[in-house]
Amino acid sequence: MLKPYNHFQANDSASGCSFTDKESASTILKMIAYTSISLLSLAGNTLVLAVFRKNRELRSVVFYFIANMAVSDLVLPLFAFPRAIGEIINGPLTWMLDGSIGSLSCKMATFLQDISTAVSIESLVVIALERFVSVVHSDRKSFLSSQKTRRTVLVCTWVLAILLHLPYLFVFEIVKANGKQFCLPLWSSDRRWRMTIPVIYFVSIFTVLYALPFLLLAILYSAIVHKLRHLDIPGCNCSQRRRRQERNRTITIMAMIFVAAFFLCWTPFFIYAFLLCFKWHLDMPCSQINFRFTVILIAHLNSAINPFIYFLCSKSFRKGVRNVIPLCLEI
């Protein structure tokens, strides 16, 4: 155990655990898994942005925020996955760079990684609000119909995410111990506050960026689904009504699948985080190293599967892919 440093938000004591031959052999499989997710995320989200830029048909309100999610998802293969590979090789929370560059990269990698997650959940909430207004209150003009408003909201998703994670730029530092160096949050020099502050911060972030948003999403989509089942548009003929209903259903189903994917991928991580804070008291047992790896891998998987959801649910996107990649097989 790394006793001098076993009271941080994410436990580094696991770094002092011994690795068996079996665990060393599994390193290759772990690296293959992370490399595959990284490449899929990088290729998929780059393709989403390329298609969005080229195809004006996709530039509806909802798809602007899907593109916003794609931008945030690109942060993971660029910053989080290289860090994960280093941890697989050298141990949890280890850091390969030293000096001022190492300190800056330690702060920024963690900072940008969690900003990415925050922007994604905020985008999902904005999409749900837009769907709610468009479906439940179809007589009203969408609050995002104005390009200026849309851009303002897009910027706000990033500004809010940055503000919520600003403490990372002050608390994360390079710490050397047992012949290794680690990227760790130094919340306080006082032992009592060192245990308390990260728990308070985690619960606050969990509430603001997970619990409350998903409660709101559940309420909004329940109302949307109920409305879609009884949708009636006065003054429209049957053909017009069916086309609009079909479009609303398609976009809403796609948005709900995005929400479900985020929930399924990130819930195991939050379960781990609660165990870390309230059961293990920020001192993760060595026996849980693989559990930690698995929940983080599943969480990062979300950035790779989002483009596939878009591909499966949007005929316009599939058409756009054929335009961007002319030599691809007929879909």
C-alpha atoms as a PDB file:
ATOM      1  CA  MET A   1       0.000   0.000   0.000  1.00  0.00           C
ATOM      2  CA  LEU A   2       1.085   3.560  -0.721  1.00  0.00           C
ATOM      3  CA  LYS A   3       0.336   4.703   2.789  1.00  0.00           C
ATOM      4  CA  PRO A   4       1.499   8.351   2.600  1.00  0.00           C
ATOM      5  CA  TYR A   5      -0.964   9.042  -0.225  1.00  0.00           C
ATOM      6  CA  ASN A   6      -3.981   6.876   0.419  1.00  0.00           C
ATOM      7  CA  HIS A   7      -6.553   9.577   1.108  1.00  0.00           C
ATOM      8  CA  PHE A   8      -7.223  11.208  -2.253  1.00  0.00           C
ATOM      9  CA  GLN A   9     -10.359  11.324  -4.377  1.00  0.00           C
ATOM     10  CA  ALA A  10      -9.135   8.506  -6.599  1.00  0.00           C
ATOM     11  CA  ASN A  11      -7.100   5.955  -4.746  1.00  0.00           C
ATOM     12  CA  ASP A  12      -3.457   5.559  -5.577  1.00  0.00           C
ATOM     13  CA  SER A  13      -2.823   2.863  -2.994  1.00  0.00           C
ATOM     14  CA  ALA A  14      -3.600   0.342  -5.717  1.00  0.00           C
ATOM     15  CA  SER A  15      -0.344   1.435  -7.312  1.00  0.00           C
ATOM     16  CA  GLY A  16       1.490  -0.265  -4.481  1.00  0.00           C
ATOM     17  CA  CYS A  17      -0.225  -3.585  -5.132  1.00  0.00           C
ATOM     18  CA  SER A  18       1.782  -6.434  -6.582  1.00  0.00           C
ATOM     19  CA  PHE A  19       0.809  -7.776 -10.000  1.00  0.00           C
ATOM     20  CA  THR A  20       0.744 -11.497 -10.706  1.00  0.00           C
ATOM     21  CA  ASP A  21       1.837 -13.108 -13.974  1.00  0.00           C
ATOM     22  CA  LYS A  22      -1.816 -13.525 -14.862  1.00  0.00           C
ATOM     23  CA  GLU A  23      -2.406  -9.811 -14.378  1.00  0.00           C
ATOM     24  CA  SER A  24       0.671  -9.000 -16.447  1.00  0.00           C
ATOM     25  CA  ALA A  25      -0.653 -11.193 -19.249  1.00  0.00           C
ATOM     26  CA  SER A  26      -3.991  -9.381 -19.162  1.00  0.00           C
ATOM     27  CA  THR A  27      -2.215  -6.091 -19.860  1.00  0.00           C
ATOM     28  CA  ILE A  28      -2.173  -6.860 -23.588  1.00  0.00           C
ATOM     29  CA  LEU A  29      -5.927  -7.508 -23.637  1.00  0.00           C
ATOM     30  CA  LYS A  30      -6.574  -4.294 -21.723  1.00  0.00           C
ATOM     31  CA  MET A  31      -4.445  -2.302 -24.143  1.00  0.00           C
ATOM     32  CA  ILE A  32      -6.234  -3.847 -27.127  1.00  0.00           C
ATOM     33  CA  ALA A  33      -9.615  -2.954 -25.584  1.00  0.00           C
ATOM     34  CA  TYR A  34      -8.644   0.672 -24.901  1.00  0.00           C
ATOM     35  CA  THR A  35      -6.917   1.102 -28.268  1.00  0.00           C
ATOM     36  CA  SER A  36     -10.003  -0.241 -30.077  1.00  0.00           C
ATOM     37  CA  ILE A  37     -12.331   2.117 -28.205  1.00  0.00           C
ATOM     38  CA  SER A  38      -9.979   5.031 -28.823  1.00  0.00           C
ATOM     39  CA  LEU A  39      -9.772   4.427 -32.570  1.00  0.00           C
ATOM     40  CA  LEU A  40     -13.534   3.887 -32.901  1.00  0.00           C
ATOM     41  CA  SER A  41     -14.255   7.067 -30.966  1.00  0.00           C
ATOM     42  CA  LEU A  42     -11.756   9.112 -32.939  1.00  0.00           C
ATOM     43  CA  ALA A  43     -12.952   7.831 -36.325  1.00  0.00           C
ATOM     44  CA  GLY A  44     -16.666   7.831 -35.503  1.00  0.00           C
ATOM     45  CA  ASN A  45     -16.886  11.306 -33.997  1.00  0.00           C
ATOM     46  CA  THR A  46     -14.648  12.798 -36.678  1.00  0.00           C
ATOM     47  CA  LEU A  47     -17.007  11.308 -39.268  1.00  0.00           C
ATOM     48  CA  VAL A  48     -20.037  12.798 -37.484  1.00  0.00           C
ATOM     49  CA  LEU A  49     -18.488  16.273 -37.634  1.00  0.00           C
ATOM     50  CA  ALA A  50     -17.409  15.838 -41.268  1.00  0.00           C
ATOM     51  CA  VAL A  51     -20.905  14.765 -42.332  1.00  0.00           C
ATOM     52  CA  PHE A  52     -22.514  17.549 -40.289  1.00  0.00           C
ATOM     53  CA  ARG A  53     -20.256  20.140 -41.933  1.00  0.00           C
ATOM     54  CA  LYS A  54     -20.885  18.865 -45.469  1.00  0.00           C
ATOM     55  CA  ASN A  55     -24.597  18.034 -45.267  1.00  0.00           C
ATOM     56  CA  ARG A  56     -26.885  21.021 -44.659  1.00  0.00           C
ATOM     57  CA  GLU A  57     -29.878  18.692 -44.363  1.00  0.00           C
ATOM     58  CA  LEU A  58     -28.570  17.610 -40.950  1.00  0.00           C
ATOM     59  CA  ARG A  59     -28.306  21.118 -39.552  1.00  0.00           C
ATOM     60  CA  SER A  60     -31.463  21.011 -37.466  1.00  0.00           C
ATOM     61  CA  VAL A  61     -31.559  22.134 -33.838  1.00  0.00           C
ATOM     62  CA  VAL A  62     -31.096  18.633 -32.410  1.00  0.00           C
ATOM     63  CA  PHE A  63     -28.198  17.762 -34.681  1.00  0.00           C
ATOM     64  CA  TYR A  64     -26.251  20.864 -33.640  1.00  0.00           C
ATOM     65  CA  PHE A  65     -26.122  19.428 -30.124  1.00  0.00           C
ATOM     66  CA  ILE A  66     -25.317  15.953 -31.399  1.00  0.00           C
ATOM     67  CA  ALA A  67     -22.339  17.597 -33.125  1.00  0.00           C
ATOM     68  CA  ASN A  68     -21.544  19.297 -29.807  1.00  0.00           C
ATOM     69  CA  MET A  69     -21.469  15.854 -28.164  1.00  0.00           C
ATOM     70  CA  ALA A  70     -19.183  14.597 -30.937  1.00  0.00           C
ATOM     71  CA  VAL A  71     -16.719  17.420 -30.243  1.00  0.00           C
ATOM     72  CA  SER A  72     -16.744  16.606 -26.518  1.00  0.00           C
ATOM     73  CA  ASP A  73     -16.365  12.881 -27.240  1.00  0.00           C
ATOM     74  CA  LEU A  74     -13.199  13.592 -29.240  1.00  0.00           C
ATOM     75  CA  VAL A  75     -11.563  14.746 -26.007  1.00  0.00           C
ATOM     76  CA  LEU A  76     -11.465  11.165 -24.714  1.00  0.00           C
ATOM     77  CA  PRO A  77      -9.345   9.528 -27.449  1.00  0.00           C
ATOM     78  CA  LEU A  78      -7.066  12.572 -27.488  1.00  0.00           C
ATOM     79  CA  PHE A  79      -6.490  12.893 -23.723  1.00  0.00           C
ATOM     80  CA  ALA A  80      -8.113  10.176 -21.605  1.00  0.00           C
ATOM     81  CA  PHE A  81      -7.132   7.086 -23.574  1.00  0.00           C
ATOM     82  CA  PRO A  82      -3.367   7.827 -23.754  1.00  0.00           C
ATOM     83  CA  ARG A  83      -3.471   8.308 -19.991  1.00  0.00           C
ATOM     84  CA  ALA A  84      -5.335   5.021 -19.596  1.00  0.00           C
ATOM     85  CA  ILE A  85      -2.695   3.167 -21.621  1.00  0.00           C
ATOM     86  CA  GLY A  86       0.004   4.572 -19.336  1.00  0.00           C
ATOM     87  CA  GLU A  87      -1.925   3.394 -16.274  1.00  0.00           C
ATOM     88  CA  ILE A  88      -2.391  -0.085 -17.734  1.00  0.00           C
ATOM     89  CA  ILE A  89       1.380  -0.380 -18.168  1.00  0.00           C
ATOM     90  CA  ASN A  90       2.602   1.327 -14.988  1.00  0.00           C
ATOM     91  CA  GLY A  91      -0.337   1.093 -12.561  1.00  0.00           C
ATOM     92  CA  PRO A  92      -3.381   3.200 -11.518  1.00  0.00           C
ATOM     93  CA  LEU A  93      -2.891   6.984 -11.504  1.00  0.00           C
ATOM     94  CA  THR A  94       0.745   6.801 -12.578  1.00  0.00           C
ATOM     95  CA  TRP A  95       2.033   9.631 -14.736  1.00  0.00           C
ATOM     96  CA  MET A  96       4.802   9.341 -17.307  1.00  0.00           C
ATOM     97  CA  LEU A  97       5.736  13.022 -17.784  1.00  0.00           C
ATOM     98  CA  ASP A  98       7.758  15.013 -15.255  1.00  0.00           C
ATOM     99  CA  GLY A  99       8.524  18.645 -14.519  1.00  0.00           C
ATOM    100  CA  SER A 100       6.363  21.587 -15.538  1.00  0.00           C
ATOM    101  CA  ILE A 101       5.138  19.767 -18.654  1.00  0.00           C
ATOM    102  CA  GLY A 102       4.113  16.795 -16.517  1.00  0.00           C
ATOM    103  CA  SER A 103       2.287  19.016 -14.026  1.00  0.00           C
ATOM    104  CA  LEU A 104       0.442  20.921 -16.766  1.00  0.00           C
ATOM    105  CA  SER A 105      -0.513  17.752 -18.652  1.00  0.00           C
ATOM    106  CA  CYS A 106      -1.689  16.115 -15.402  1.00  0.00           C
ATOM    107  CA  LYS A 107      -4.034  19.032 -14.728  1.00  0.00           C
ATOM    108  CA  MET A 108      -5.277  19.440 -18.294  1.00  0.00           C
ATOM    109  CA  ALA A 109      -5.846  15.750 -19.080  1.00  0.00           C
ATOM    110  CA  THR A 110      -8.065  15.263 -16.021  1.00  0.00           C
ATOM    111  CA  PHE A 111      -9.731  18.655 -16.507  1.00  0.00           C
ATOM    112  CA  LEU A 112     -10.592  18.100 -20.187  1.00  0.00           C
ATOM    113  CA  GLN A 113     -11.709  14.507 -19.628  1.00  0.00           C
ATOM    114  CA  ASP A 114     -14.377  15.474 -17.108  1.00  0.00           C
ATOM    115  CA  ILE A 115     -15.408  18.548 -19.109  1.00  0.00           C
ATOM    116  CA  SER A 116     -16.163  16.162 -21.972  1.00  0.00           C
ATOM    117  CA  THR A 117     -18.563  14.168 -19.808  1.00  0.00           C
ATOM    118  CA  ALA A 118     -20.259  17.325 -18.504  1.00  0.00           C
ATOM    119  CA  VAL A 119     -20.789  18.751 -22.009  1.00  0.00           C
ATOM    120  CA  SER A 120     -22.346  15.472 -23.140  1.00  0.00           C
ATOM    121  CA  ILE A 121     -24.933  15.357 -20.350  1.00  0.00           C
ATOM    122  CA  GLU A 122     -25.727  19.063 -20.777  1.00  0.00           C
ATOM    123  CA  SER A 123     -26.253  18.505 -24.513  1.00  0.00           C
ATOM    124  CA  LEU A 124     -28.624  15.615 -23.760  1.00  0.00           C
ATOM    125  CA  VAL A 125     -30.657  17.891 -21.476  1.00  0.00           C
ATOM    126  CA  VAL A 126     -30.836  20.654 -24.103  1.00  0.00           C
ATOM    127  CA  ILE A 127     -31.955  18.131 -26.740  1.00  0.00           C
ATOM    128  CA  ALA A 128     -34.675  16.864 -24.379  1.00  0.00           C
ATOM    129  CA  LEU A 129     -35.896  20.408 -23.702  1.00  0.00           C
ATOM    130  CA  GLU A 130     -36.025  21.118 -27.430  1.00  0.00           C
ATOM    131  CA  ARG A 131     -37.929  17.871 -28.055  1.00  0.00           C
ATOM    132  CA  PHE A 132     -40.346  18.739 -25.237  1.00  0.00           C
ATOM    133  CA  VAL A 133     -41.158  22.126 -26.748  1.00  0.00           C
ATOM    134  CA  SER A 134     -41.390  20.755 -30.305  1.00  0.00           C
ATOM    135  CA  VAL A 135     -43.655  17.815 -29.414  1.00  0.00           C
ATOM    136  CA  VAL A 136     -45.622  18.726 -26.292  1.00  0.00           C
ATOM    137  CA  HIS A 137     -45.961  22.431 -27.136  1.00  0.00           C
ATOM    138  CA  SER A 138     -45.844  22.216 -30.918  1.00  0.00           C
ATOM    139  CA  ASP A 139     -47.762  25.494 -31.253  1.00  0.00           C
ATOM    140  CA  ARG A 140     -44.820  27.368 -29.744  1.00  0.00           C
ATOM    141  CA  LYS A 141     -41.644  28.385 -31.526  1.00  0.00           C
ATOM    142  CA  SER A 142     -38.556  26.447 -30.432  1.00  0.00           C
ATOM    143  CA  PHE A 143     -36.399  28.426 -28.016  1.00  0.00           C
ATOM    144  CA  LEU A 144     -33.401  27.305 -30.103  1.00  0.00           C
ATOM    145  CA  SER A 145     -34.751  28.334 -33.493  1.00  0.00           C
ATOM    146  CA  SER A 146     -32.631  31.486 -33.471  1.00  0.00           C
ATOM    147  CA  GLN A 147     -29.053  30.885 -34.586  1.00  0.00           C
ATOM    148  CA  LYS A 148     -27.795  33.400 -32.036  1.00  0.00           C
ATOM    149  CA  THR A 149     -29.609  31.640 -29.188  1.00  0.00           C
ATOM    150  CA  ARG A 150     -28.398  28.260 -30.384  1.00  0.00           C
ATOM    151  CA  ARG A 151     -24.787  29.416 -30.424  1.00  0.00           C
ATOM    152  CA  THR A 152     -25.175  30.988 -26.988  1.00  0.00           C
ATOM    153  CA  VAL A 153     -26.503  27.743 -25.519  1.00  0.00           C
ATOM    154  CA  LEU A 154     -23.709  25.754 -27.188  1.00  0.00           C
ATOM    155  CA  VAL A 155     -21.099  28.042 -25.647  1.00  0.00           C
ATOM    156  CA  CYS A 156     -22.850  27.868 -22.275  1.00  0.00           C
ATOM    157  CA  THR A 157     -22.563  24.065 -22.180  1.00  0.00           C
ATOM    158  CA  TRP A 158     -18.783  24.424 -22.328  1.00  0.00           C
ATOM    159  CA  VAL A 159     -18.568  27.413 -19.985  1.00  0.00           C
ATOM    160  CA  LEU A 160     -20.650  25.661 -17.308  1.00  0.00           C
ATOM    161  CA  ALA A 161     -18.576  22.476 -17.651  1.00  0.00           C
ATOM    162  CA  ILE A 162     -15.360  24.481 -17.300  1.00  0.00           C
ATOM    163  CA  LEU A 163     -16.610  26.350 -14.223  1.00  0.00           C
ATOM    164  CA  LEU A 164     -17.706  23.154 -12.488  1.00  0.00           C
ATOM    165  CA  HIS A 165     -14.281  21.570 -12.978  1.00  0.00           C
ATOM    166  CA  LEU A 166     -12.014  24.582 -12.379  1.00  0.00           C
ATOM    167  CA  PRO A 167     -10.800  23.121  -9.045  1.00  0.00           C
ATOM    168  CA  TYR A 168      -8.926  20.464 -11.033  1.00  0.00           C
ATOM    169  CA  LEU A 169      -6.492  23.110 -12.290  1.00  0.00           C
ATOM    170  CA  PHE A 170      -5.531  23.912  -8.703  1.00  0.00           C
ATOM    171  CA  VAL A 171      -5.582  20.565  -6.897  1.00  0.00           C
ATOM    172  CA  PHE A 172      -4.069  18.065  -9.343  1.00  0.00           C
ATOM    173  CA  GLU A 173      -0.303  17.714  -8.978  1.00  0.00           C
ATOM    174  CA  ILE A 174       2.518  15.284  -9.705  1.00  0.00           C
ATOM    175  CA  VAL A 175       3.423  13.294  -6.590  1.00  0.00           C
ATOM    176  CA  LYS A 176       6.468  11.011  -6.401  1.00  0.00           C
ATOM    177  CA  ALA A 177       6.429   7.887  -4.199  1.00  0.00           C
ATOM    178  CA  ASN A 178       7.870   4.375  -4.234  1.00  0.00           C
ATOM    179  CA  GLY A 179       9.963   5.121  -7.304  1.00  0.00           C
ATOM    180  CA  LYS A 180       6.950   6.201  -9.356  1.00  0.00           C
ATOM    181  CA  GLN A 181       5.128   9.453 -10.018  1.00  0.00           C
ATOM    182  CA  PHE A 182       1.378   9.919  -9.832  1.00  0.00           C
ATOM    183  CA  CYS A 183      -1.183  12.470 -10.989  1.00  0.00           C
ATOM    184  CA  LEU A 184      -3.213  13.087  -7.829  1.00  0.00           C
ATOM    185  CA  PRO A 185      -5.618  15.690  -6.411  1.00  0.00           C
ATOM    186  CA  LEU A 186      -4.057  17.414  -3.382  1.00  0.00           C
ATOM    187  CA  TRP A 187      -7.212  18.837  -1.852  1.00  0.00           C
ATOM    188  CA  SER A 188      -5.760  19.908   1.475  1.00  0.00           C
ATOM    189  CA  SER A 189      -2.714  19.473   3.708  1.00  0.00           C
ATOM    190  CA  ASP A 190      -5.045  18.938   6.665  1.00  0.00           C
ATOM    191  CA  ARG A 191      -5.912  15.232   7.011  1.00  0.00           C
ATOM    192  CA  ARG A 192      -9.535  15.815   7.991  1.00  0.00           C
ATOM    193  CA  TRP A 193     -10.262  18.114   5.064  1.00  0.00           C
ATOM    194  CA  ARG A 194      -8.251  15.863   2.758  1.00  0.00           C
ATOM    195  CA  MET A 195     -10.868  13.201   3.413  1.00  0.00           C
ATOM    196  CA  THR A 196     -13.925  15.485   3.437  1.00  0.00           C
ATOM    197  CA  ILE A 197     -13.475  17.935   0.547  1.00  0.00           C
ATOM    198  CA  PRO A 198     -13.220  15.351  -2.285  1.00  0.00           C
ATOM    199  CA  VAL A 199     -16.340  13.553  -1.019  1.00  0.00           C
ATOM    200  CA  ILE A 200     -18.333  16.802  -0.858  1.00  0.00           C
ATOM    201  CA  TYR A 201     -17.089  17.781  -4.306  1.00  0.00           C
ATOM    202  CA  PHE A 202     -17.932  14.382  -5.801  1.00  0.00           C
ATOM    203  CA  VAL A 203     -21.462  14.354  -4.336  1.00  0.00           C
ATOM    204  CA  SER A 204     -22.019  17.900  -5.645  1.00  0.00           C
ATOM    205  CA  ILE A 205     -20.839  16.985  -9.153  1.00  0.00           C
ATOM    206  CA  PHE A 206     -22.884  13.767  -9.085  1.00  0.00           C
ATOM    207  CA  THR A 207     -26.012  15.716  -8.112  1.00  0.00           C
ATOM    208  CA  VAL A 208     -25.561  18.532 -10.643  1.00  0.00           C
ATOM    209  CA  LEU A 209     -24.317  16.482 -13.612  1.00  0.00           C
ATOM    210  CA  TYR A 210     -25.999  13.113 -13.133  1.00  0.00           C
ATOM    211  CA  ALA A 211     -28.848  12.787 -10.629  1.00  0.00           C
ATOM    212  CA  LEU A 212     -30.764  15.988 -11.395  1.00  0.00           C
ATOM    213  CA  PRO A 213     -30.247  15.842 -15.186  1.00  0.00           C
ATOM    214  CA  PHE A 214     -31.477  12.248 -15.374  1.00  0.00           C
ATOM    215  CA  LEU A 215     -34.485  13.064 -13.197  1.00  0.00           C
ATOM    216  CA  LEU A 216     -35.293  15.940 -15.567  1.00  0.00           C
ATOM    217  CA  LEU A 217     -34.707  13.718 -18.628  1.00  0.00           C
ATOM    218  CA  ALA A 218     -37.060  11.066 -17.251  1.00  0.00           C
ATOM    219  CA  ILE A 219     -39.804  13.653 -16.677  1.00  0.00           C
ATOM    220  CA  LEU A 220     -39.370  15.307 -20.094  1.00  0.00           C
ATOM    221  CA  TYR A 221     -39.284  12.107 -22.121  1.00  0.00           C
ATOM    222  CA  SER A 222     -42.250  10.671 -20.226  1.00  0.00           C
ATOM    223  CA  ALA A 223     -44.258  13.715 -21.261  1.00  0.00           C
ATOM    224  CA  ILE A 224     -42.933  13.508 -24.832  1.00  0.00           C
ATOM    225  CA  VAL A 225     -43.794   9.824 -25.229  1.00  0.00           C
ATOM    226  CA  HIS A 226     -47.273  10.403 -23.807  1.00  0.00           C
ATOM    227  CA  LYS A 227     -47.831  13.263 -26.265  1.00  0.00           C
ATOM    228  CA  LEU A 228     -46.552  11.287 -29.260  1.00  0.00           C
ATOM    229  CA  ARG A 229     -49.084   8.550 -28.542  1.00  0.00           C
ATOM    230  CA  HIS A 230     -51.915  11.069 -28.751  1.00  0.00           C
ATOM    231  CA  LEU A 231     -50.457  13.458 -31.282  1.00  0.00           C
ATOM    232  CA  ASP A 232     -53.000  15.320 -33.395  1.00  0.00           C
ATOM    233  CA  ILE A 233     -52.171  18.324 -35.551  1.00  0.00           C
ATOM    234  CA  PRO A 234     -55.248  20.422 -36.416  1.00  0.00           C
ATOM    235  CA  GLY A 235     -55.406  21.694 -39.995  1.00  0.00           C
ATOM    236  CA  CYS A 236     -53.092  19.049 -41.401  1.00  0.00           C
ATOM    237  CA  ASN A 237     -54.119  16.306 -43.767  1.00  0.00           C
ATOM    238  CA  CYS A 238     -53.316  12.695 -42.928  1.00  0.00           C
ATOM    239  CA  SER A 239     -50.160  12.607 -45.046  1.00  0.00           C
ATOM    240  CA  GLN A 240     -48.706  15.722 -43.443  1.00  0.00           C
ATOM    241  CA  ARG A 241     -49.589  14.480 -39.979  1.00  0.00           C
ATOM    242  CA  ARG A 242     -47.980  11.108 -40.543  1.00  0.00           C
ATOM    243  CA  ARG A 243     -44.764  12.658 -41.875  1.00  0.00           C
ATOM    244  CA  ARG A 244     -44.459  14.987 -38.920  1.00  0.00           C
ATOM    245  CA  GLN A 245     -45.312  12.257 -36.435  1.00  0.00           C
ATOM    246  CA  GLU A 246     -42.757   9.954 -37.993  1.00  0.00           C
ATOM    247  CA  ARG A 247     -40.050  12.620 -37.886  1.00  0.00           C
ATOM    248  CA  ASN A 248     -40.809  13.461 -34.261  1.00  0.00           C
ATOM    249  CA  ARG A 249     -40.788   9.791 -33.296  1.00  0.00           C
ATOM    250  CA  THR A 250     -37.498   9.111 -35.114  1.00  0.00           C
ATOM    251  CA  ILE A 251     -35.663  12.064 -33.560  1.00  0.00           C
ATOM    252  CA  THR A 252     -37.118  11.385 -30.115  1.00  0.00           C
ATOM    253  CA  ILE A 253     -36.231   7.684 -30.201  1.00  0.00           C
ATOM    254  CA  MET A 254     -32.686   8.542 -31.260  1.00  0.00           C
ATOM    255  CA  ALA A 255     -32.372  11.089 -28.446  1.00  0.00           C
ATOM    256  CA  MET A 256     -33.697   8.572 -25.911  1.00  0.00           C
ATOM    257  CA  ILE A 257     -31.183   5.966 -27.104  1.00  0.00           C
ATOM    258  CA  PHE A 258     -28.380   8.502 -26.556  1.00  0.00           C
ATOM    259  CA  VAL A 259     -29.652   9.023 -23.002  1.00  0.00           C
ATOM    260  CA  ALA A 260     -29.956   5.281 -22.340  1.00  0.00           C
ATOM    261  CA  ALA A 261     -26.430   4.653 -23.657  1.00  0.00           C
ATOM    262  CA  PHE A 262     -24.989   7.379 -21.438  1.00  0.00           C
ATOM    263  CA  PHE A 263     -26.870   6.027 -18.418  1.00  0.00           C
ATOM    264  CA  LEU A 264     -25.771   2.421 -18.998  1.00  0.00           C
ATOM    265  CA  CYS A 265     -22.146   3.345 -19.629  1.00  0.00           C
ATOM    266  CA  TRP A 266     -21.656   5.788 -16.759  1.00  0.00           C
ATOM    267  CA  THR A 267     -23.784   4.263 -13.981  1.00  0.00           C
ATOM    268  CA  PRO A 268     -21.198   1.540 -13.142  1.00  0.00           C
ATOM    269  CA  PHE A 269     -18.552   4.254 -12.749  1.00  0.00           C
ATOM    270  CA  PHE A 270     -20.708   6.214 -10.308  1.00  0.00           C
ATOM    271  CA  ILE A 271     -21.399   3.029  -8.336  1.00  0.00           C
ATOM    272  CA  TYR A 272     -17.626   2.535  -8.092  1.00  0.00           C
ATOM    273  CA  ALA A 273     -17.171   6.186  -7.069  1.00  0.00           C
ATOM    274  CA  PHE A 274     -19.742   5.864  -4.257  1.00  0.00           C
ATOM    275  CA  LEU A 275     -18.034   2.701  -3.021  1.00  0.00           C
ATOM    276  CA  LEU A 276     -14.706   4.518  -3.112  1.00  0.00           C
ATOM    277  CA  CYS A 277     -16.040   7.459  -1.109  1.00  0.00           C
ATOM    278  CA  PHE A 278     -18.328   5.808   1.406  1.00  0.00           C
ATOM    279  CA  LYS A 279     -17.218   2.176   1.752  1.00  0.00           C
ATOM    280  CA  TRP A 280     -13.484   2.250   1.089  1.00  0.00           C
ATOM    281  CA  HIS A 281     -13.040   5.832   2.402  1.00  0.00           C
ATOM    282  CA  LEU A 282     -10.911   6.847  -0.598  1.00  0.00           C
ATOM    283  CA  ASP A 283      -8.589   3.868  -0.074  1.00  0.00           C
ATOM    284  CA  MET A 284      -9.423   1.336  -2.793  1.00  0.00           C
ATOM    285  CA  PRO A 285      -8.482  -2.291  -1.974  1.00  0.00           C
ATOM    286  CA  CYS A 286      -5.973  -3.972  -4.274  1.00  0.00           C
ATOM    287  CA  SER A 287      -8.607  -6.587  -5.083  1.00  0.00           C
ATOM    288  CA  GLN A 288     -10.691  -3.908  -6.842  1.00  0.00           C
ATOM    289  CA  ILE A 289      -8.109  -2.834  -9.444  1.00  0.00           C
ATOM    290  CA  ASN A 290      -9.801  -4.799 -12.229  1.00  0.00           C
ATOM    291  CA  PHE A 291     -13.218  -3.511 -11.137  1.00  0.00           C
ATOM    292  CA  ARG A 292     -11.899   0.050 -11.441  1.00  0.00           C
ATOM    293  CA  PHE A 293     -10.475  -0.698 -14.884  1.00  0.00           C
ATOM    294  CA  THR A 294     -13.742  -2.263 -16.076  1.00  0.00           C
ATOM    295  CA  VAL A 295     -16.039   0.590 -14.995  1.00  0.00           C
ATOM    296  CA  ILE A 296     -13.740   3.217 -16.537  1.00  0.00           C
ATOM    297  CA  LEU A 297     -13.527   1.201 -19.759  1.00  0.00           C
ATOM    298  CA  ILE A 298     -17.333   0.945 -19.953  1.00  0.00           C
ATOM    299  CA  ALA A 299     -17.688   4.680 -19.258  1.00  0.00           C
ATOM    300  CA  HIS A 300     -15.261   5.565 -22.046  1.00  0.00           C
ATOM    301  CA  LEU A 301     -17.080   3.194 -24.377  1.00  0.00           C
ATOM    302  CA  ASN A 302     -19.914   5.727 -24.513  1.00  0.00           C
ATOM    303  CA  SER A 303     -17.867   8.073 -26.697  1.00  0.00           C
ATOM    304  CA  ALA A 304     -17.328   5.282 -29.226  1.00  0.00           C
ATOM    305  CA  ILE A 305     -20.912   4.058 -29.514  1.00  0.00           C
ATOM    306  CA  ASN A 306     -22.608   7.459 -29.955  1.00  0.00           C
ATOM    307  CA  PRO A 307     -21.672   7.712 -33.681  1.00  0.00           C
ATOM    308  CA  PHE A 308     -23.101   4.208 -34.244  1.00  0.00           C
ATOM    309  CA  ILE A 309     -26.401   5.266 -32.631  1.00  0.00           C
ATOM    310  CA  TYR A 310     -26.517   8.231 -34.983  1.00  0.00           C
ATOM    311  CA  PHE A 311     -25.719   5.976 -37.953  1.00  0.00           C
ATOM    312  CA  LEU A 312     -28.449   3.457 -37.093  1.00  0.00           C
ATOM    313  CA  CYS A 313     -31.176   5.999 -36.351  1.00  0.00           C
ATOM    314  CA  SER A 314     -30.662   8.680 -38.995  1.00  0.00           C
ATOM    315  CA  LYS A 315     -31.239   7.999 -42.665  1.00  0.00           C
ATOM    316  CA  SER A 316     -29.920  11.481 -43.476  1.00  0.00           C
ATOM    317  CA  PHE A 317     -26.681  10.723 -41.646  1.00  0.00           C
ATOM    318  CA  ARG A 318     -26.216   7.469 -43.539  1.00  0.00           C
ATOM    319  CA  LYS A 319     -26.739   9.404 -46.769  1.00  0.00           C
ATOM    320  CA  GLY A 320     -24.195  11.964 -45.589  1.00  0.00           C
ATOM    321  CA  VAL A 321     -21.656   9.211 -44.893  1.00  0.00           C
ATOM    322  CA  ARG A 322     -21.956   8.047 -48.500  1.00  0.00           C
ATOM    323  CA  ASN A 323     -21.236  11.605 -49.629  1.00  0.00           C
ATOM    324  CA  VAL A 324     -18.229  12.004 -47.352  1.00  0.00           C
ATOM    325  CA  ILE A 325     -16.862   8.542 -48.172  1.00  0.00           C
ATOM    326  CA  PRO A 326     -17.822   8.008 -51.832  1.00  0.00           C
ATOM    327  CA  LEU A 327     -16.063   4.647 -52.027  1.00  0.00           C
ATOM    328  CA  CYS A 328     -17.886   3.051 -49.095  1.00  0.00           C
ATOM    329  CA  LEU A 329     -20.188   0.111 -49.750  1.00  0.00           C
ATOM    330  CA  GLU A 330     -23.851   0.742 -50.440  1.00  0.00           C
ATOM    331  CA  ILE A 331     -25.631   0.997 -47.119  1.00  0.00           C
END
